[in-house]
């Protein structure tokens, strides 16, 4: 990996971490397009973003918990269903054509952005 690409991925990691800390796992929204711009194929960018999101979310959850901004008891009932959804999503990603995955991701970004702006 050349020096420019290493620097790019270090900056990408920092941006993703900041977004994750500020928006609660929102780092994936920043990571996917930036990973694709860095040369990763779409499915690799999504998978890499997921691998990156787990440790970032754990650190963010610690800080939110430390500041008493949420209770672990509120999150615990959601975890089994989130894990089931992750298994289903990971299985579907193998079967969904890359172009369709890109379009679905774009639609989700547009809907999410609209909700953030309006609510």
N, C-alpha and C. Protein backbone atom coordinates (compact mmCIF):
# COMPACT_ATOMS: atom_id res chain seq x y z
N UNK A 1 0.86 -1.18 0.00
CA UNK A 1 0.00 0.00 0.00
C UNK A 1 0.90 1.23 0.00
N UNK A 2 0.62 2.15 -0.92
CA UNK A 2 1.46 3.34 -1.00
C UNK A 2 1.14 4.33 0.13
N UNK A 3 2.02 5.30 0.28
CA UNK A 3 1.91 6.25 1.39
C UNK A 3 0.60 7.05 1.32
N UNK A 4 0.20 7.47 0.10
CA UNK A 4 -1.04 8.23 -0.04
C UNK A 4 -2.24 7.41 0.42
N UNK A 5 -2.29 6.15 0.01
CA UNK A 5 -3.43 5.30 0.37
C UNK A 5 -3.47 5.05 1.88
N UNK A 6 -2.29 4.86 2.51
CA UNK A 6 -2.25 4.69 3.97
C UNK A 6 -2.79 5.93 4.66
N UNK A 7 -2.36 7.09 4.20
CA UNK A 7 -2.82 8.35 4.79
C UNK A 7 -4.33 8.50 4.60
N UNK A 8 -4.81 8.17 3.39
CA UNK A 8 -6.24 8.25 3.09
C UNK A 8 -7.04 7.38 4.05
N UNK A 9 -6.59 6.14 4.26
CA UNK A 9 -7.32 5.23 5.13
C UNK A 9 -7.21 5.64 6.60
N UNK A 10 -6.12 6.27 7.00
CA UNK A 10 -6.02 6.79 8.37
C UNK A 10 -7.03 7.92 8.57
N UNK A 11 -7.13 8.82 7.60
CA UNK A 11 -8.09 9.92 7.68
C UNK A 11 -9.52 9.36 7.65
N UNK A 12 -9.77 8.37 6.80
CA UNK A 12 -11.07 7.73 6.72
C UNK A 12 -11.45 7.12 8.06
N UNK A 13 -10.50 6.45 8.72
CA UNK A 13 -10.76 5.88 10.03
C UNK A 13 -11.14 6.94 11.05
N UNK A 14 -10.44 8.06 11.01
CA UNK A 14 -10.74 9.14 11.95
C UNK A 14 -12.12 9.73 11.68
N UNK A 15 -12.45 9.96 10.42
CA UNK A 15 -13.76 10.50 10.06
C UNK A 15 -14.87 9.54 10.50
N UNK A 16 -14.65 8.27 10.23
CA UNK A 16 -15.65 7.26 10.60
C UNK A 16 -15.83 7.21 12.11
N UNK A 17 -14.75 7.25 12.85
CA UNK A 17 -14.82 7.24 14.31
C UNK A 17 -15.54 8.45 14.86
N UNK A 18 -15.26 9.62 14.31
CA UNK A 18 -15.93 10.84 14.77
C UNK A 18 -17.43 10.76 14.48
N UNK A 19 -17.78 10.33 13.25
CA UNK A 19 -19.21 10.20 12.90
C UNK A 19 -19.88 9.17 13.80
N UNK A 20 -19.20 8.09 14.07
CA UNK A 20 -19.77 7.05 14.92
C UNK A 20 -20.02 7.58 16.34
N UNK A 21 -19.06 8.31 16.87
CA UNK A 21 -19.22 8.87 18.21
C UNK A 21 -20.31 9.92 18.29
N UNK A 22 -20.44 10.72 17.24
CA UNK A 22 -21.44 11.78 17.24
C UNK A 22 -22.84 11.28 16.94
N UNK A 23 -22.94 10.34 16.01
CA UNK A 23 -24.25 9.95 15.50
C UNK A 23 -24.67 8.54 15.88
N UNK A 24 -23.90 7.84 16.69
CA UNK A 24 -24.28 6.50 17.11
C UNK A 24 -24.29 5.51 15.98
N UNK A 25 -23.18 5.01 15.60
CA UNK A 25 -23.01 4.04 14.54
C UNK A 25 -23.22 4.64 13.15
N UNK A 26 -23.27 5.93 13.06
CA UNK A 26 -23.40 6.59 11.77
C UNK A 26 -22.11 6.59 10.97
N UNK A 27 -21.06 6.05 11.56
CA UNK A 27 -19.79 5.98 10.85
C UNK A 27 -19.86 5.15 9.59
N UNK A 28 -20.73 4.14 9.59
CA UNK A 28 -20.88 3.30 8.41
C UNK A 28 -21.37 4.07 7.21
N UNK A 29 -22.20 5.07 7.46
CA UNK A 29 -22.71 5.89 6.37
C UNK A 29 -21.57 6.67 5.72
N UNK A 30 -20.61 7.10 6.50
CA UNK A 30 -19.46 7.81 5.95
C UNK A 30 -18.44 6.82 5.37
N UNK A 31 -18.29 5.68 6.02
CA UNK A 31 -17.23 4.74 5.63
C UNK A 31 -17.46 4.12 4.26
N UNK A 32 -18.68 3.72 3.96
CA UNK A 32 -18.92 3.00 2.69
C UNK A 32 -18.52 3.84 1.48
N UNK A 33 -19.03 5.07 1.32
CA UNK A 33 -18.62 5.83 0.14
C UNK A 33 -17.12 6.16 0.13
N UNK A 34 -16.56 6.41 1.30
CA UNK A 34 -15.13 6.73 1.34
C UNK A 34 -14.27 5.51 1.04
N UNK A 35 -14.70 4.33 1.47
CA UNK A 35 -13.97 3.11 1.14
C UNK A 35 -14.05 2.83 -0.36
N UNK A 36 -15.22 3.06 -0.95
CA UNK A 36 -15.37 2.86 -2.39
C UNK A 36 -14.48 3.84 -3.15
N UNK A 37 -14.45 5.09 -2.68
CA UNK A 37 -13.58 6.09 -3.32
C UNK A 37 -12.11 5.70 -3.18
N UNK A 38 -11.78 4.99 -2.10
CA UNK A 38 -10.42 4.52 -1.87
C UNK A 38 -10.05 3.30 -2.70
N UNK A 39 -11.00 2.79 -3.49
CA UNK A 39 -10.68 1.71 -4.41
C UNK A 39 -11.27 0.35 -4.07
N UNK A 40 -12.01 0.24 -2.99
CA UNK A 40 -12.62 -1.05 -2.65
C UNK A 40 -13.88 -1.26 -3.47
N UNK A 41 -14.12 -2.50 -3.90
CA UNK A 41 -15.40 -2.80 -4.56
C UNK A 41 -16.54 -2.59 -3.58
N UNK A 42 -17.75 -2.38 -4.10
CA UNK A 42 -18.90 -2.02 -3.27
C UNK A 42 -19.14 -3.02 -2.14
N UNK A 43 -19.17 -4.30 -2.43
CA UNK A 43 -19.46 -5.28 -1.39
C UNK A 43 -18.33 -5.34 -0.36
N UNK A 44 -17.11 -5.17 -0.78
CA UNK A 44 -15.98 -5.13 0.16
C UNK A 44 -16.07 -3.89 1.04
N UNK A 45 -16.52 -2.77 0.46
CA UNK A 45 -16.67 -1.54 1.24
C UNK A 45 -17.73 -1.72 2.32
N UNK A 46 -18.85 -2.36 1.97
CA UNK A 46 -19.90 -2.60 2.96
C UNK A 46 -19.41 -3.54 4.06
N UNK A 47 -18.73 -4.61 3.67
CA UNK A 47 -18.24 -5.58 4.65
C UNK A 47 -17.18 -4.95 5.55
N UNK A 48 -16.28 -4.16 4.98
CA UNK A 48 -15.23 -3.50 5.76
C UNK A 48 -15.85 -2.50 6.72
N UNK A 49 -16.87 -1.79 6.26
CA UNK A 49 -17.57 -0.84 7.13
C UNK A 49 -18.20 -1.55 8.32
N UNK A 50 -18.78 -2.71 8.08
CA UNK A 50 -19.38 -3.47 9.18
C UNK A 50 -18.32 -3.90 10.19
N UNK A 51 -17.19 -4.39 9.69
CA UNK A 51 -16.12 -4.82 10.59
C UNK A 51 -15.58 -3.64 11.40
N UNK A 52 -15.56 -2.48 10.79
CA UNK A 52 -15.08 -1.26 11.45
C UNK A 52 -16.09 -0.75 12.48
N UNK A 53 -17.37 -0.91 12.18
CA UNK A 53 -18.42 -0.36 13.03
C UNK A 53 -18.49 -1.03 14.40
N UNK A 54 -18.24 -2.33 14.49
CA UNK A 54 -18.35 -3.02 15.77
C UNK A 54 -17.44 -2.44 16.84
N UNK A 55 -16.12 -2.36 16.62
CA UNK A 55 -15.29 -1.78 17.69
C UNK A 55 -15.58 -0.30 17.95
N UNK A 56 -15.90 0.45 16.88
CA UNK A 56 -16.23 1.86 17.08
C UNK A 56 -17.50 2.02 17.91
N UNK A 57 -18.49 1.17 17.64
CA UNK A 57 -19.74 1.24 18.40
C UNK A 57 -19.52 0.86 19.85
N UNK A 58 -18.66 -0.11 20.10
CA UNK A 58 -18.39 -0.51 21.48
C UNK A 58 -17.76 0.64 22.26
N UNK A 59 -16.81 1.33 21.63
CA UNK A 59 -16.17 2.47 22.29
C UNK A 59 -17.17 3.60 22.50
N UNK A 60 -17.97 3.89 21.47
CA UNK A 60 -18.98 4.95 21.59
C UNK A 60 -19.99 4.62 22.68
N UNK A 61 -20.44 3.36 22.73
CA UNK A 61 -21.41 2.94 23.75
C UNK A 61 -20.82 3.12 25.15
N UNK A 62 -19.54 2.81 25.30
CA UNK A 62 -18.89 3.01 26.60
C UNK A 62 -18.97 4.47 27.02
N UNK A 63 -18.64 5.39 26.11
CA UNK A 63 -18.65 6.80 26.46
C UNK A 63 -20.06 7.32 26.72
N UNK A 64 -21.02 6.87 25.90
CA UNK A 64 -22.42 7.27 26.15
C UNK A 64 -22.88 6.73 27.50
N UNK A 65 -22.51 5.50 27.82
CA UNK A 65 -22.89 4.89 29.09
C UNK A 65 -22.21 5.61 30.25
N UNK A 66 -20.94 5.94 30.08
CA UNK A 66 -20.18 6.63 31.11
C UNK A 66 -20.82 7.98 31.45
N UNK A 67 -21.32 8.65 30.41
CA UNK A 67 -21.97 9.95 30.62
C UNK A 67 -23.44 9.80 31.03
N UNK A 68 -23.86 8.55 31.20
CA UNK A 68 -25.23 8.22 31.61
C UNK A 68 -26.28 8.72 30.62
N UNK A 69 -25.94 8.67 29.31
CA UNK A 69 -26.88 9.09 28.29
C UNK A 69 -27.79 7.96 27.81
N UNK A 70 -27.51 6.74 28.23
CA UNK A 70 -28.41 5.64 27.95
C UNK A 70 -28.21 4.55 28.97
N UNK A 71 -29.19 3.68 29.06
CA UNK A 71 -29.12 2.57 29.99
C UNK A 71 -28.93 1.27 29.21
N UNK A 72 -28.02 0.42 29.64
CA UNK A 72 -27.77 -0.85 28.97
C UNK A 72 -29.04 -1.70 28.91
N UNK A 73 -29.88 -1.59 29.92
CA UNK A 73 -31.11 -2.37 29.94
C UNK A 73 -32.04 -2.04 28.77
N UNK A 74 -31.97 -0.82 28.27
CA UNK A 74 -32.77 -0.44 27.11
C UNK A 74 -32.26 -1.10 25.83
N UNK A 75 -30.96 -1.31 25.75
CA UNK A 75 -30.36 -1.87 24.54
C UNK A 75 -30.40 -3.40 24.51
N UNK A 76 -30.33 -4.03 25.66
CA UNK A 76 -30.22 -5.50 25.70
C UNK A 76 -31.34 -6.24 24.97
N UNK A 77 -32.61 -5.84 25.09
CA UNK A 77 -33.65 -6.58 24.36
C UNK A 77 -33.52 -6.47 22.84
N UNK A 78 -32.86 -5.43 22.35
CA UNK A 78 -32.71 -5.22 20.91
C UNK A 78 -31.61 -6.08 20.30
N UNK A 79 -30.64 -6.47 21.11
CA UNK A 79 -29.44 -7.15 20.59
C UNK A 79 -29.77 -8.46 19.86
N UNK A 80 -30.58 -9.37 20.41
CA UNK A 80 -30.83 -10.63 19.68
C UNK A 80 -31.46 -10.39 18.30
N UNK A 81 -32.38 -9.44 18.22
CA UNK A 81 -33.03 -9.15 16.94
C UNK A 81 -32.07 -8.46 15.98
N UNK A 82 -31.22 -7.60 16.51
CA UNK A 82 -30.19 -6.98 15.69
C UNK A 82 -29.22 -8.00 15.13
N UNK A 83 -28.85 -8.97 15.97
CA UNK A 83 -27.96 -10.04 15.49
C UNK A 83 -28.63 -10.88 14.41
N UNK A 84 -29.91 -11.20 14.61
CA UNK A 84 -30.65 -11.97 13.59
C UNK A 84 -30.72 -11.18 12.28
N UNK A 85 -30.98 -9.89 12.39
CA UNK A 85 -31.01 -9.05 11.19
C UNK A 85 -29.66 -8.97 10.50
N UNK A 86 -28.60 -8.96 11.29
CA UNK A 86 -27.26 -8.92 10.71
C UNK A 86 -26.95 -10.20 9.94
N UNK A 87 -27.36 -11.33 10.50
CA UNK A 87 -27.16 -12.61 9.80
C UNK A 87 -27.95 -12.61 8.49
N UNK A 88 -29.20 -12.18 8.55
CA UNK A 88 -30.03 -12.13 7.35
C UNK A 88 -29.44 -11.17 6.32
N UNK A 89 -29.04 -9.98 6.75
CA UNK A 89 -28.45 -8.99 5.84
C UNK A 89 -27.16 -9.48 5.22
N UNK A 90 -26.30 -10.12 6.03
CA UNK A 90 -25.05 -10.67 5.50
C UNK A 90 -25.29 -11.76 4.48
N UNK A 91 -26.30 -12.57 4.72
CA UNK A 91 -26.66 -13.63 3.76
C UNK A 91 -27.22 -13.04 2.47
N UNK A 92 -28.07 -12.02 2.61
CA UNK A 92 -28.65 -11.39 1.43
C UNK A 92 -27.61 -10.65 0.59
N UNK A 93 -26.62 -10.05 1.26
CA UNK A 93 -25.61 -9.28 0.53
C UNK A 93 -24.89 -10.14 -0.50
N UNK A 94 -24.69 -11.41 -0.19
CA UNK A 94 -24.02 -12.32 -1.13
C UNK A 94 -24.85 -12.51 -2.39
N UNK A 95 -26.17 -12.40 -2.26
CA UNK A 95 -27.07 -12.71 -3.36
C UNK A 95 -27.53 -11.48 -4.14
N UNK A 96 -27.43 -10.31 -3.54
CA UNK A 96 -27.91 -9.08 -4.18
C UNK A 96 -26.84 -8.57 -5.16
N UNK A 97 -27.24 -8.27 -6.39
CA UNK A 97 -26.27 -7.68 -7.33
C UNK A 97 -25.74 -6.35 -6.80
N UNK A 98 -24.50 -6.07 -7.11
CA UNK A 98 -23.83 -4.87 -6.62
C UNK A 98 -24.60 -3.60 -6.98
N UNK A 99 -25.11 -3.51 -8.19
CA UNK A 99 -25.84 -2.31 -8.60
C UNK A 99 -27.09 -2.11 -7.75
N UNK A 100 -27.81 -3.18 -7.47
CA UNK A 100 -29.00 -3.08 -6.63
C UNK A 100 -28.63 -2.69 -5.20
N UNK A 101 -27.54 -3.26 -4.67
CA UNK A 101 -27.08 -2.91 -3.33
C UNK A 101 -26.75 -1.42 -3.25
N UNK A 102 -26.10 -0.90 -4.28
CA UNK A 102 -25.76 0.52 -4.32
C UNK A 102 -27.02 1.37 -4.32
N UNK A 103 -28.02 0.97 -5.07
CA UNK A 103 -29.28 1.73 -5.14
C UNK A 103 -30.02 1.69 -3.80
N UNK A 104 -30.08 0.52 -3.19
CA UNK A 104 -30.74 0.39 -1.89
C UNK A 104 -30.04 1.28 -0.86
N UNK A 105 -28.72 1.23 -0.84
CA UNK A 105 -27.94 2.06 0.09
C UNK A 105 -28.22 3.54 -0.16
N UNK A 106 -28.28 3.95 -1.43
CA UNK A 106 -28.57 5.34 -1.76
C UNK A 106 -29.94 5.78 -1.29
N UNK A 107 -30.94 4.91 -1.48
CA UNK A 107 -32.30 5.23 -1.03
C UNK A 107 -32.33 5.38 0.49
N UNK A 108 -31.65 4.49 1.19
CA UNK A 108 -31.60 4.58 2.66
C UNK A 108 -30.93 5.87 3.10
N UNK A 109 -29.85 6.27 2.41
CA UNK A 109 -29.19 7.53 2.74
C UNK A 109 -30.11 8.72 2.52
N UNK A 110 -30.85 8.71 1.42
CA UNK A 110 -31.77 9.82 1.13
C UNK A 110 -32.88 9.90 2.19
N UNK A 111 -33.48 8.75 2.51
CA UNK A 111 -34.54 8.72 3.52
C UNK A 111 -34.00 9.16 4.88
N UNK A 112 -32.83 8.64 5.24
CA UNK A 112 -32.22 9.00 6.54
C UNK A 112 -31.91 10.50 6.59
N UNK A 113 -31.34 11.01 5.52
CA UNK A 113 -31.02 12.44 5.47
C UNK A 113 -32.26 13.30 5.57
N UNK A 114 -33.32 12.90 4.88
CA UNK A 114 -34.58 13.65 4.93
C UNK A 114 -35.17 13.65 6.33
N UNK A 115 -35.13 12.49 6.99
CA UNK A 115 -35.66 12.42 8.36
C UNK A 115 -34.84 13.29 9.30
N UNK A 116 -33.53 13.28 9.13
CA UNK A 116 -32.67 14.08 10.01
C UNK A 116 -32.96 15.57 9.81
N UNK A 117 -33.14 15.97 8.57
CA UNK A 117 -33.41 17.38 8.30
C UNK A 117 -34.77 17.83 8.79
N UNK A 118 -35.75 16.94 8.72
CA UNK A 118 -37.13 17.35 9.03
C UNK A 118 -37.56 17.07 10.47
N UNK A 119 -36.88 16.19 11.17
CA UNK A 119 -37.32 15.86 12.53
C UNK A 119 -36.41 16.43 13.58
